[in-house]
PDB file of N, CA and C in Angstrom:
ATOM      1  N   UNK A   1      10.763   5.796  35.175  1.00  0.00           N
ATOM      2  CA  UNK A   1       9.379   6.192  35.279  1.00  0.00           C
ATOM      3  C   UNK A   1       8.788   6.303  33.868  1.00  0.00           C
ATOM      4  N   UNK A   2       7.654   5.723  33.667  1.00  0.00           N
ATOM      5  CA  UNK A   2       6.972   5.776  32.377  1.00  0.00           C
ATOM      6  C   UNK A   2       5.865   6.819  32.463  1.00  0.00           C
ATOM      7  N   UNK A   3       5.912   7.796  31.568  1.00  0.00           N
ATOM      8  CA  UNK A   3       4.877   8.831  31.594  1.00  0.00           C
ATOM      9  C   UNK A   3       3.994   8.816  30.349  1.00  0.00           C
ATOM     10  N   UNK A   4       4.190   7.827  29.489  1.00  0.00           N
ATOM     11  CA  UNK A   4       3.334   7.624  28.317  1.00  0.00           C
ATOM     12  C   UNK A   4       3.169   8.869  27.450  1.00  0.00           C
ATOM     13  N   UNK A   5       4.228   9.595  27.243  1.00  0.00           N
ATOM     14  CA  UNK A   5       4.159  10.735  26.339  1.00  0.00           C
ATOM     15  C   UNK A   5       4.791  10.352  25.014  1.00  0.00           C
ATOM     16  N   UNK A   6       4.333  10.974  23.982  1.00  0.00           N
ATOM     17  CA  UNK A   6       4.869  10.682  22.655  1.00  0.00           C
ATOM     18  C   UNK A   6       4.843  11.951  21.820  1.00  0.00           C
ATOM     19  N   UNK A   7       5.702  11.974  20.835  1.00  0.00           N
ATOM     20  CA  UNK A   7       5.738  13.100  19.905  1.00  0.00           C
ATOM     21  C   UNK A   7       5.801  12.524  18.500  1.00  0.00           C
ATOM     22  N   UNK A   8       5.018  13.078  17.627  1.00  0.00           N
ATOM     23  CA  UNK A   8       5.031  12.654  16.232  1.00  0.00           C
ATOM     24  C   UNK A   8       5.467  13.844  15.393  1.00  0.00           C
ATOM     25  N   UNK A   9       6.520  13.659  14.635  1.00  0.00           N
ATOM     26  CA  UNK A   9       7.052  14.720  13.785  1.00  0.00           C
ATOM     27  C   UNK A   9       7.139  14.186  12.363  1.00  0.00           C
ATOM     28  N   UNK A  10       6.452  14.836  11.450  1.00  0.00           N
ATOM     29  CA  UNK A  10       6.536  14.437  10.047  1.00  0.00           C
ATOM     30  C   UNK A  10       7.065  15.603   9.239  1.00  0.00           C
ATOM     31  N   UNK A  11       7.756  15.280   8.187  1.00  0.00           N
ATOM     32  CA  UNK A  11       8.317  16.320   7.324  1.00  0.00           C
ATOM     33  C   UNK A  11       7.680  16.302   5.945  1.00  0.00           C
ATOM     34  N   UNK A  12       6.535  15.664   5.833  1.00  0.00           N
ATOM     35  CA  UNK A  12       5.819  15.594   4.565  1.00  0.00           C
ATOM     36  C   UNK A  12       4.432  16.179   4.752  1.00  0.00           C
ATOM     37  N   UNK A  13       3.898  16.712   3.675  1.00  0.00           N
ATOM     38  CA  UNK A  13       2.521  17.196   3.705  1.00  0.00           C
ATOM     39  C   UNK A  13       1.540  16.083   3.389  1.00  0.00           C
ATOM     40  N   UNK A  14       2.018  15.009   2.844  1.00  0.00           N
ATOM     41  CA  UNK A  14       1.171  13.890   2.480  1.00  0.00           C
ATOM     42  C   UNK A  14       1.926  12.945   1.575  1.00  0.00           C
ATOM     43  N   UNK A  15       1.237  11.925   1.131  1.00  0.00           N
ATOM     44  CA  UNK A  15       1.842  10.926   0.260  1.00  0.00           C
ATOM     45  C   UNK A  15       1.043  10.869  -1.034  1.00  0.00           C
ATOM     46  N   UNK A  16       1.724  10.973  -2.159  1.00  0.00           N
ATOM     47  CA  UNK A  16       1.059  10.992  -3.460  1.00  0.00           C
ATOM     48  C   UNK A  16       1.453   9.761  -4.259  1.00  0.00           C
ATOM     49  N   UNK A  17       0.458   9.026  -4.706  1.00  0.00           N
ATOM     50  CA  UNK A  17       0.681   7.834  -5.526  1.00  0.00           C
ATOM     51  C   UNK A  17       1.276   8.205  -6.875  1.00  0.00           C
ATOM     52  N   UNK A  18       1.033   9.440  -7.329  1.00  0.00           N
ATOM     53  CA  UNK A  18       1.535   9.875  -8.631  1.00  0.00           C
ATOM     54  C   UNK A  18       3.027  10.203  -8.586  1.00  0.00           C
ATOM     55  N   UNK A  19       3.535  10.577  -7.418  1.00  0.00           N
ATOM     56  CA  UNK A  19       4.969  10.862  -7.286  1.00  0.00           C
ATOM     57  C   UNK A  19       5.762   9.567  -7.131  1.00  0.00           C
ATOM     58  N   UNK A  20       5.427   8.810  -6.111  1.00  0.00           N
ATOM     59  CA  UNK A  20       6.113   7.551  -5.797  1.00  0.00           C
ATOM     60  C   UNK A  20       5.054   6.601  -5.258  1.00  0.00           C
ATOM     61  N   UNK A  21       5.122   5.322  -5.639  1.00  0.00           N
ATOM     62  CA  UNK A  21       4.119   4.377  -5.155  1.00  0.00           C
ATOM     63  C   UNK A  21       4.478   3.793  -3.797  1.00  0.00           C
ATOM     64  N   UNK A  22       5.761   3.790  -3.439  1.00  0.00           N
ATOM     65  CA  UNK A  22       6.191   3.230  -2.160  1.00  0.00           C
ATOM     66  C   UNK A  22       7.087   4.230  -1.445  1.00  0.00           C
ATOM     67  N   UNK A  23       6.758   4.519  -0.205  1.00  0.00           N
ATOM     68  CA  UNK A  23       7.545   5.438   0.617  1.00  0.00           C
ATOM     69  C   UNK A  23       8.183   4.658   1.765  1.00  0.00           C
ATOM     70  N   UNK A  24       9.381   5.057   2.159  1.00  0.00           N
ATOM     71  CA  UNK A  24      10.044   4.494   3.327  1.00  0.00           C
ATOM     72  C   UNK A  24      10.048   5.566   4.408  1.00  0.00           C
ATOM     73  N   UNK A  25       9.366   5.297   5.506  1.00  0.00           N
ATOM     74  CA  UNK A  25       9.229   6.265   6.584  1.00  0.00           C
ATOM     75  C   UNK A  25      10.039   5.799   7.793  1.00  0.00           C
ATOM     76  N   UNK A  26      11.133   6.499   8.123  1.00  0.00           N
ATOM     77  CA  UNK A  26      11.907   6.102   9.300  1.00  0.00           C
ATOM     78  C   UNK A  26      11.146   6.441  10.584  1.00  0.00           C
ATOM     79  N   UNK A  27      11.167   5.514  11.531  1.00  0.00           N
ATOM     80  CA  UNK A  27      10.512   5.702  12.819  1.00  0.00           C
ATOM     81  C   UNK A  27      11.588   5.611  13.893  1.00  0.00           C
ATOM     82  N   UNK A  28      11.734   6.677  14.681  1.00  0.00           N
ATOM     83  CA  UNK A  28      12.740   6.717  15.742  1.00  0.00           C
ATOM     84  C   UNK A  28      12.022   6.768  17.083  1.00  0.00           C
ATOM     85  N   UNK A  29      12.366   5.845  17.964  1.00  0.00           N
ATOM     86  CA  UNK A  29      11.807   5.814  19.310  1.00  0.00           C
ATOM     87  C   UNK A  29      12.952   6.039  20.276  1.00  0.00           C
ATOM     88  N   UNK A  30      12.807   7.023  21.162  1.00  0.00           N
ATOM     89  CA  UNK A  30      13.865   7.292  22.138  1.00  0.00           C
ATOM     90  C   UNK A  30      13.247   7.704  23.463  1.00  0.00           C
ATOM     91  N   UNK A  31      14.054   7.622  24.513  1.00  0.00           N
ATOM     92  CA  UNK A  31      13.592   8.038  25.831  1.00  0.00           C
ATOM     93  C   UNK A  31      14.309   9.318  26.253  1.00  0.00           C
ATOM     94  N   UNK A  32      13.924   9.852  27.385  1.00  0.00           N
ATOM     95  CA  UNK A  32      14.547  11.065  27.901  1.00  0.00           C
ATOM     96  C   UNK A  32      15.508  10.771  29.043  1.00  0.00           C
ATOM     97  N   UNK A  33      15.854   9.521  29.220  1.00  0.00           N
ATOM     98  CA  UNK A  33      16.742   9.129  30.309  1.00  0.00           C
ATOM     99  C   UNK A  33      18.187   9.387  29.911  1.00  0.00           C
ATOM    100  N   UNK A  34      19.098   9.206  30.858  1.00  0.00           N
ATOM    101  CA  UNK A  34      20.517   9.345  30.546  1.00  0.00           C
ATOM    102  C   UNK A  34      21.197   8.026  30.825  1.00  0.00           C
ATOM    103  N   UNK A  35      21.928   7.440  29.940  1.00  0.00           N
ATOM    104  CA  UNK A  35      22.127   7.860  28.558  1.00  0.00           C
ATOM    105  C   UNK A  35      20.857   7.607  27.743  1.00  0.00           C
ATOM    106  N   UNK A  36      20.667   8.429  26.741  1.00  0.00           N
ATOM    107  CA  UNK A  36      19.485   8.298  25.895  1.00  0.00           C
ATOM    108  C   UNK A  36      19.562   6.989  25.126  1.00  0.00           C
ATOM    109  N   UNK A  37      18.484   6.245  25.173  1.00  0.00           N
ATOM    110  CA  UNK A  37      18.385   5.003  24.411  1.00  0.00           C
ATOM    111  C   UNK A  37      17.389   5.231  23.287  1.00  0.00           C
ATOM    112  N   UNK A  38      17.720   4.701  22.125  1.00  0.00           N
ATOM    113  CA  UNK A  38      16.810   4.881  20.995  1.00  0.00           C
ATOM    114  C   UNK A  38      16.854   3.663  20.092  1.00  0.00           C
ATOM    115  N   UNK A  39      15.839   3.559  19.290  1.00  0.00           N
ATOM    116  CA  UNK A  39      15.741   2.485  18.308  1.00  0.00           C
ATOM    117  C   UNK A  39      15.131   3.079  17.045  1.00  0.00           C
ATOM    118  N   UNK A  40      15.588   2.610  15.913  1.00  0.00           N
ATOM    119  CA  UNK A  40      15.088   3.112  14.637  1.00  0.00           C
ATOM    120  C   UNK A  40      14.563   1.949  13.806  1.00  0.00           C
ATOM    121  N   UNK A  41      13.421   2.148  13.206  1.00  0.00           N
ATOM    122  CA  UNK A  41      12.846   1.177  12.290  1.00  0.00           C
ATOM    123  C   UNK A  41      12.356   1.909  11.057  1.00  0.00           C
ATOM    124  N   UNK A  42      12.022   1.158  10.030  1.00  0.00           N
ATOM    125  CA  UNK A  42      11.523   1.767   8.801  1.00  0.00           C
ATOM    126  C   UNK A  42      10.161   1.180   8.476  1.00  0.00           C
ATOM    127  N   UNK A  43       9.214   2.048   8.274  1.00  0.00           N
ATOM    128  CA  UNK A  43       7.860   1.658   7.922  1.00  0.00           C
ATOM    129  C   UNK A  43       7.688   1.849   6.421  1.00  0.00           C
ATOM    130  N   UNK A  44       7.291   0.795   5.717  1.00  0.00           N
ATOM    131  CA  UNK A  44       7.066   0.880   4.274  1.00  0.00           C
ATOM    132  C   UNK A  44       5.603   1.231   4.029  1.00  0.00           C
ATOM    133  N   UNK A  45       5.380   2.299   3.289  1.00  0.00           N
ATOM    134  CA  UNK A  45       4.023   2.762   3.000  1.00  0.00           C
ATOM    135  C   UNK A  45       3.789   2.667   1.501  1.00  0.00           C
ATOM    136  N   UNK A  46       2.745   1.930   1.105  1.00  0.00           N
ATOM    137  CA  UNK A  46       2.349   1.847  -0.300  1.00  0.00           C
ATOM    138  C   UNK A  46       1.070   2.650  -0.462  1.00  0.00           C
ATOM    139  N   UNK A  47       1.074   3.551  -1.410  1.00  0.00           N
ATOM    140  CA  UNK A  47      -0.075   4.426  -1.628  1.00  0.00           C
ATOM    141  C   UNK A  47      -0.881   3.877  -2.799  1.00  0.00           C
ATOM    142  N   UNK A  48      -2.147   3.590  -2.543  1.00  0.00           N
ATOM    143  CA  UNK A  48      -3.017   2.993  -3.556  1.00  0.00           C
ATOM    144  C   UNK A  48      -4.251   3.871  -3.758  1.00  0.00           C
ATOM    145  N   UNK A  49      -4.918   3.686  -4.879  1.00  0.00           N
ATOM    146  CA  UNK A  49      -6.175   4.385  -5.142  1.00  0.00           C
ATOM    147  C   UNK A  49      -7.319   3.553  -4.567  1.00  0.00           C
ATOM    148  N   UNK A  50      -8.272   4.226  -3.930  1.00  0.00           N
ATOM    149  CA  UNK A  50      -9.413   3.539  -3.325  1.00  0.00           C
ATOM    150  C   UNK A  50     -10.710   4.168  -3.818  1.00  0.00           C
ATOM    151  N   UNK A  51     -11.793   3.383  -3.746  1.00  0.00           N
ATOM    152  CA  UNK A  51     -13.098   3.937  -4.098  1.00  0.00           C
ATOM    153  C   UNK A  51     -13.687   4.653  -2.883  1.00  0.00           C
ATOM    154  N   UNK A  52     -14.924   5.129  -3.005  1.00  0.00           N
ATOM    155  CA  UNK A  52     -15.542   5.919  -1.928  1.00  0.00           C
ATOM    156  C   UNK A  52     -15.791   5.099  -0.664  1.00  0.00           C
ATOM    157  N   UNK A  53     -15.811   3.762  -0.784  1.00  0.00           N
ATOM    158  CA  UNK A  53     -16.010   2.905   0.388  1.00  0.00           C
ATOM    159  C   UNK A  53     -14.699   2.426   1.004  1.00  0.00           C
ATOM    160  N   UNK A  54     -13.578   2.844   0.421  1.00  0.00           N
ATOM    161  CA  UNK A  54     -12.282   2.462   0.970  1.00  0.00           C
ATOM    162  C   UNK A  54     -11.709   1.182   0.395  1.00  0.00           C
ATOM    163  N   UNK A  55     -12.365   0.612  -0.616  1.00  0.00           N
ATOM    164  CA  UNK A  55     -11.850  -0.599  -1.255  1.00  0.00           C
ATOM    165  C   UNK A  55     -10.759  -0.232  -2.250  1.00  0.00           C
ATOM    166  N   UNK A  56      -9.687  -0.999  -2.246  1.00  0.00           N
ATOM    167  CA  UNK A  56      -8.569  -0.706  -3.138  1.00  0.00           C
ATOM    168  C   UNK A  56      -8.980  -0.924  -4.592  1.00  0.00           C
ATOM    169  N   UNK A  57      -8.758   0.080  -5.418  1.00  0.00           N
ATOM    170  CA  UNK A  57      -9.052  -0.032  -6.843  1.00  0.00           C
ATOM    171  C   UNK A  57      -7.796  -0.344  -7.630  1.00  0.00           C
ATOM    172  N   UNK A  58      -6.736   0.390  -7.365  1.00  0.00           N
ATOM    173  CA  UNK A  58      -5.490   0.142  -8.084  1.00  0.00           C
ATOM    174  C   UNK A  58      -4.327   0.478  -7.177  1.00  0.00           C
ATOM    175  N   UNK A  59      -3.245  -0.202  -7.457  1.00  0.00           N
ATOM    176  CA  UNK A  59      -2.028   0.014  -6.687  1.00  0.00           C
ATOM    177  C   UNK A  59      -0.879  -0.260  -7.643  1.00  0.00           C
ATOM    178  N   UNK A  60       0.322  -0.033  -7.209  1.00  0.00           N
ATOM    179  CA  UNK A  60       1.453  -0.309  -8.092  1.00  0.00           C
ATOM    180  C   UNK A  60       1.519  -1.804  -8.369  1.00  0.00           C
ATOM    181  N   UNK A  61       2.068  -2.163  -9.514  1.00  0.00           N
ATOM    182  CA  UNK A  61       2.209  -3.577  -9.863  1.00  0.00           C
ATOM    183  C   UNK A  61       3.052  -4.294  -8.828  1.00  0.00           C
ATOM    184  N   UNK A  62       4.051  -3.613  -8.305  1.00  0.00           N
ATOM    185  CA  UNK A  62       4.926  -4.219  -7.297  1.00  0.00           C
ATOM    186  C   UNK A  62       4.131  -4.600  -6.055  1.00  0.00           C
ATOM    187  N   UNK A  63       3.244  -3.732  -5.602  1.00  0.00           N
ATOM    188  CA  UNK A  63       2.476  -4.001  -4.394  1.00  0.00           C
ATOM    189  C   UNK A  63       1.474  -5.127  -4.615  1.00  0.00           C
ATOM    190  N   UNK A  64       0.899  -5.216  -5.821  1.00  0.00           N
ATOM    191  CA  UNK A  64      -0.080  -6.259  -6.089  1.00  0.00           C
ATOM    192  C   UNK A  64       0.561  -7.610  -6.342  1.00  0.00           C
ATOM    193  N   UNK A  65       1.687  -7.629  -7.025  1.00  0.00           N
ATOM    194  CA  UNK A  65       2.301  -8.892  -7.407  1.00  0.00           C
ATOM    195  C   UNK A  65       3.247  -9.449  -6.358  1.00  0.00           C
ATOM    196  N   UNK A  66       3.729  -8.617  -5.461  1.00  0.00           N
ATOM    197  CA  UNK A  66       4.745  -9.058  -4.521  1.00  0.00           C
ATOM    198  C   UNK A  66       4.338  -8.798  -3.075  1.00  0.00           C
ATOM    199  N   UNK A  67       3.268  -9.423  -2.594  1.00  0.00           N
ATOM    200  CA  UNK A  67       2.860  -9.152  -1.224  1.00  0.00           C
ATOM    201  C   UNK A  67       3.848  -9.680  -0.195  1.00  0.00           C
ATOM    202  N   UNK A  68       4.750 -10.574  -0.574  1.00  0.00           N
ATOM    203  CA  UNK A  68       5.720 -11.123   0.375  1.00  0.00           C
ATOM    204  C   UNK A  68       6.833 -10.138   0.683  1.00  0.00           C
ATOM    205  N   UNK A  69       6.920  -9.036  -0.037  1.00  0.00           N
ATOM    206  CA  UNK A  69       7.912  -8.025   0.276  1.00  0.00           C
ATOM    207  C   UNK A  69       9.107  -8.001  -0.648  1.00  0.00           C
ATOM    208  N   UNK A  70       9.130  -8.808  -1.694  1.00  0.00           N
ATOM    209  CA  UNK A  70      10.237  -8.765  -2.644  1.00  0.00           C
ATOM    210  C   UNK A  70      10.046  -7.585  -3.581  1.00  0.00           C
ATOM    211  N   UNK A  71      11.066  -6.812  -3.737  1.00  0.00           N
ATOM    212  CA  UNK A  71      10.985  -5.667  -4.636  1.00  0.00           C
ATOM    213  C   UNK A  71      11.282  -6.110  -6.063  1.00  0.00           C
ATOM    214  N   UNK A  72      10.990  -5.248  -7.006  1.00  0.00           N
ATOM    215  CA  UNK A  72      11.292  -5.537  -8.404  1.00  0.00           C
ATOM    216  C   UNK A  72      12.789  -5.732  -8.593  1.00  0.00           C
ATOM    217  N   UNK A  73      13.593  -4.909  -7.934  1.00  0.00           N
ATOM    218  CA  UNK A  73      15.051  -5.041  -8.025  1.00  0.00           C
ATOM    219  C   UNK A  73      15.541  -6.384  -7.523  1.00  0.00           C
ATOM    220  N   UNK A  74      14.947  -6.874  -6.428  1.00  0.00           N
ATOM    221  CA  UNK A  74      15.346  -8.176  -5.889  1.00  0.00           C
ATOM    222  C   UNK A  74      14.994  -9.291  -6.869  1.00  0.00           C
ATOM    223  N   UNK A  75      13.827  -9.205  -7.488  1.00  0.00           N
ATOM    224  CA  UNK A  75      13.448 -10.226  -8.470  1.00  0.00           C
ATOM    225  C   UNK A  75      14.368 -10.208  -9.684  1.00  0.00           C
ATOM    226  N   UNK A  76      14.738  -9.027 -10.147  1.00  0.00           N
ATOM    227  CA  UNK A  76      15.658  -8.918 -11.281  1.00  0.00           C
ATOM    228  C   UNK A  76      17.001  -9.536 -10.916  1.00  0.00           C
ATOM    229  N   UNK A  77      17.499  -9.273  -9.718  1.00  0.00           N
ATOM    230  CA  UNK A  77      18.777  -9.843  -9.282  1.00  0.00           C
ATOM    231  C   UNK A  77      18.708 -11.362  -9.218  1.00  0.00           C
ATOM    232  N   UNK A  78      17.609 -11.904  -8.710  1.00  0.00           N
ATOM    233  CA  UNK A  78      17.447 -13.359  -8.638  1.00  0.00           C
ATOM    234  C   UNK A  78      17.418 -13.956 -10.038  1.00  0.00           C
ATOM    235  N   UNK A  79      16.669 -13.336 -10.944  1.00  0.00           N
ATOM    236  CA  UNK A  79      16.600 -13.848 -12.316  1.00  0.00           C
ATOM    237  C   UNK A  79      17.957 -13.794 -13.008  1.00  0.00           C
ATOM    238  N   UNK A  80      18.722 -12.722 -12.796  1.00  0.00           N
ATOM    239  CA  UNK A  80      20.060 -12.629 -13.390  1.00  0.00           C
ATOM    240  C   UNK A  80      20.973 -13.731 -12.870  1.00  0.00           C
ATOM    241  N   UNK A  81      20.900 -14.017 -11.579  1.00  0.00           N
ATOM    242  CA  UNK A  81      21.713 -15.104 -11.015  1.00  0.00           C
ATOM    243  C   UNK A  81      21.354 -16.442 -11.651  1.00  0.00           C
ATOM    244  N   UNK A  82      20.065 -16.694 -11.836  1.00  0.00           N
ATOM    245  CA  UNK A  82      19.629 -17.948 -12.456  1.00  0.00           C
ATOM    246  C   UNK A  82      20.133 -18.031 -13.892  1.00  0.00           C
ATOM    247  N   UNK A  83      20.027 -16.934 -14.638  1.00  0.00           N
ATOM    248  CA  UNK A  83      20.496 -16.922 -16.029  1.00  0.00           C
ATOM    249  C   UNK A  83      21.997 -17.172 -16.093  1.00  0.00           C
ATOM    250  N   UNK A  84      22.754 -16.538 -15.200  1.00  0.00           N
ATOM    251  CA  UNK A  84      24.211 -16.732 -15.183  1.00  0.00           C
ATOM    252  C   UNK A  84      24.555 -18.178 -14.864  1.00  0.00           C
ATOM    253  N   UNK A  85      23.882 -18.758 -13.875  1.00  0.00           N
ATOM    254  CA  UNK A  85      24.158 -20.154 -13.511  1.00  0.00           C
ATOM    255  C   UNK A  85      23.801 -21.107 -14.647  1.00  0.00           C
ATOM    256  N   UNK A  86      22.682 -20.860 -15.313  1.00  0.00           N
ATOM    257  CA  UNK A  86      22.307 -21.715 -16.444  1.00  0.00           C
ATOM    258  C   UNK A  86      23.288 -21.549 -17.599  1.00  0.00           C
ATOM    259  N   UNK A  87      23.772 -20.332 -17.819  1.00  0.00           N
ATOM    260  CA  UNK A  87      24.752 -20.089 -18.878  1.00  0.00           C
ATOM    261  C   UNK A  87      26.060 -20.806 -18.605  1.00  0.00           C
ATOM    262  N   UNK A  88      26.509 -20.822 -17.357  1.00  0.00           N
ATOM    263  CA  UNK A  88      27.747 -21.525 -17.004  1.00  0.00           C
ATOM    264  C   UNK A  88      27.593 -23.025 -17.211  1.00  0.00           C
ATOM    265  N   UNK A  89      26.407 -23.538 -16.897  1.00  0.00           N
ATOM    266  CA  UNK A  89      26.161 -24.966 -17.053  1.00  0.00           C
ATOM    267  C   UNK A  89      26.210 -25.362 -18.527  1.00  0.00           C
ATOM    268  N   UNK A  90      25.681 -24.531 -19.396  1.00  0.00           N
ATOM    269  CA  UNK A  90      25.689 -24.831 -20.831  1.00  0.00           C
ATOM    270  C   UNK A  90      27.087 -24.708 -21.427  1.00  0.00           C
ATOM    271  N   UNK A  91      27.898 -23.782 -20.909  1.00  0.00           N
ATOM    272  CA  UNK A  91      29.242 -23.564 -21.437  1.00  0.00           C
ATOM    273  C   UNK A  91      30.265 -24.558 -20.905  1.00  0.00           C
ATOM    274  N   UNK A  92      29.908 -25.331 -19.908  1.00  0.00           N
ATOM    275  CA  UNK A  92      30.850 -26.306 -19.355  1.00  0.00           C
ATOM    276  C   UNK A  92      31.098 -27.384 -20.405  1.00  0.00           C
ATOM    277  N   UNK A  93      32.352 -27.833 -20.532  1.00  0.00           N
ATOM    278  CA  UNK A  93      32.633 -28.866 -21.537  1.00  0.00           C
ATOM    279  C   UNK A  93      31.911 -30.159 -21.185  1.00  0.00           C
ATOM    280  N   UNK A  94      31.237 -30.700 -22.191  1.00  0.00           N
ATOM    281  CA  UNK A  94      30.536 -31.957 -21.953  1.00  0.00           C
ATOM    282  C   UNK A  94      31.498 -33.114 -22.201  1.00  0.00           C
ATOM    283  N   UNK A  95      31.328 -34.187 -21.455  1.00  0.00           N
ATOM    284  CA  UNK A  95      32.245 -35.321 -21.629  1.00  0.00           C
ATOM    285  C   UNK A  95      32.059 -35.965 -23.006  1.00  0.00           C
ATOM    286  N   UNK A  96      33.165 -36.356 -23.606  1.00  0.00           N
ATOM    287  CA  UNK A  96      33.109 -37.024 -24.911  1.00  0.00           C
ATOM    288  C   UNK A  96      32.750 -38.483 -24.704  1.00  0.00           C
ATOM    289  N   UNK A  97      32.383 -39.146 -25.794  1.00  0.00           N
ATOM    290  CA  UNK A  97      32.011 -40.560 -25.723  1.00  0.00           C
ATOM    291  C   UNK A  97      33.189 -41.386 -25.213  1.00  0.00           C
ATOM    292  N   UNK A  98      34.408 -41.002 -25.586  1.00  0.00           N
ATOM    293  CA  UNK A  98      35.604 -41.721 -25.157  1.00  0.00           C
ATOM    294  C   UNK A  98      35.799 -41.597 -23.645  1.00  0.00           C
ATOM    295  N   UNK A  99      35.576 -40.400 -23.096  1.00  0.00           N
ATOM    296  CA  UNK A  99      35.722 -40.198 -21.656  1.00  0.00           C
ATOM    297  C   UNK A  99      34.669 -40.982 -20.887  1.00  0.00           C
ATOM    298  N   UNK A 100      33.480 -41.082 -21.444  1.00  0.00           N
ATOM    299  CA  UNK A 100      32.406 -41.816 -20.771  1.00  0.00           C
ATOM    300  C   UNK A 100      32.722 -43.303 -20.752  1.00  0.00           C
ATOM    301  N   UNK A 101      33.242 -43.850 -21.862  1.00  0.00           N
ATOM    302  CA  UNK A 101      33.532 -45.284 -21.927  1.00  0.00           C
ATOM    303  C   UNK A 101      34.709 -45.661 -21.034  1.00  0.00           C
ATOM    304  N   UNK A 102      35.652 -44.745 -20.784  1.00  0.00           N
ATOM    305  CA  UNK A 102      36.783 -45.028 -19.902  1.00  0.00           C
ATOM    306  C   UNK A 102      36.357 -45.078 -18.439  1.00  0.00           C
ATOM    307  N   UNK A 103      35.290 -44.411 -18.081  1.00  0.00           N
ATOM    308  CA  UNK A 103      34.867 -44.336 -16.680  1.00  0.00           C
ATOM    309  C   UNK A 103      34.182 -45.563 -16.219  1.00  0.00           C
TER     310      UNK A 103
END
């Protein structure tokens, strides 16, 4: 039976852009049936400064530059992998003229 009831429980008084620019808010959905079934998801909240009309004035660099969802840490990891791969390629022994002529 569906009774369309819901409960919202928050443990924060609000979100401050000065403390953290991105918050992760866990969302738990469960029923009252037996056995209890539930699902958990995470909602990402970015706190930005807005003008009096609600237009975004400023936000974290991460939120403005990475709308696809890549974090700064993920970009750093990708760049490090590229640097390591390029470094290995440069350090690999190059074939000598003699080896090339034998082939």
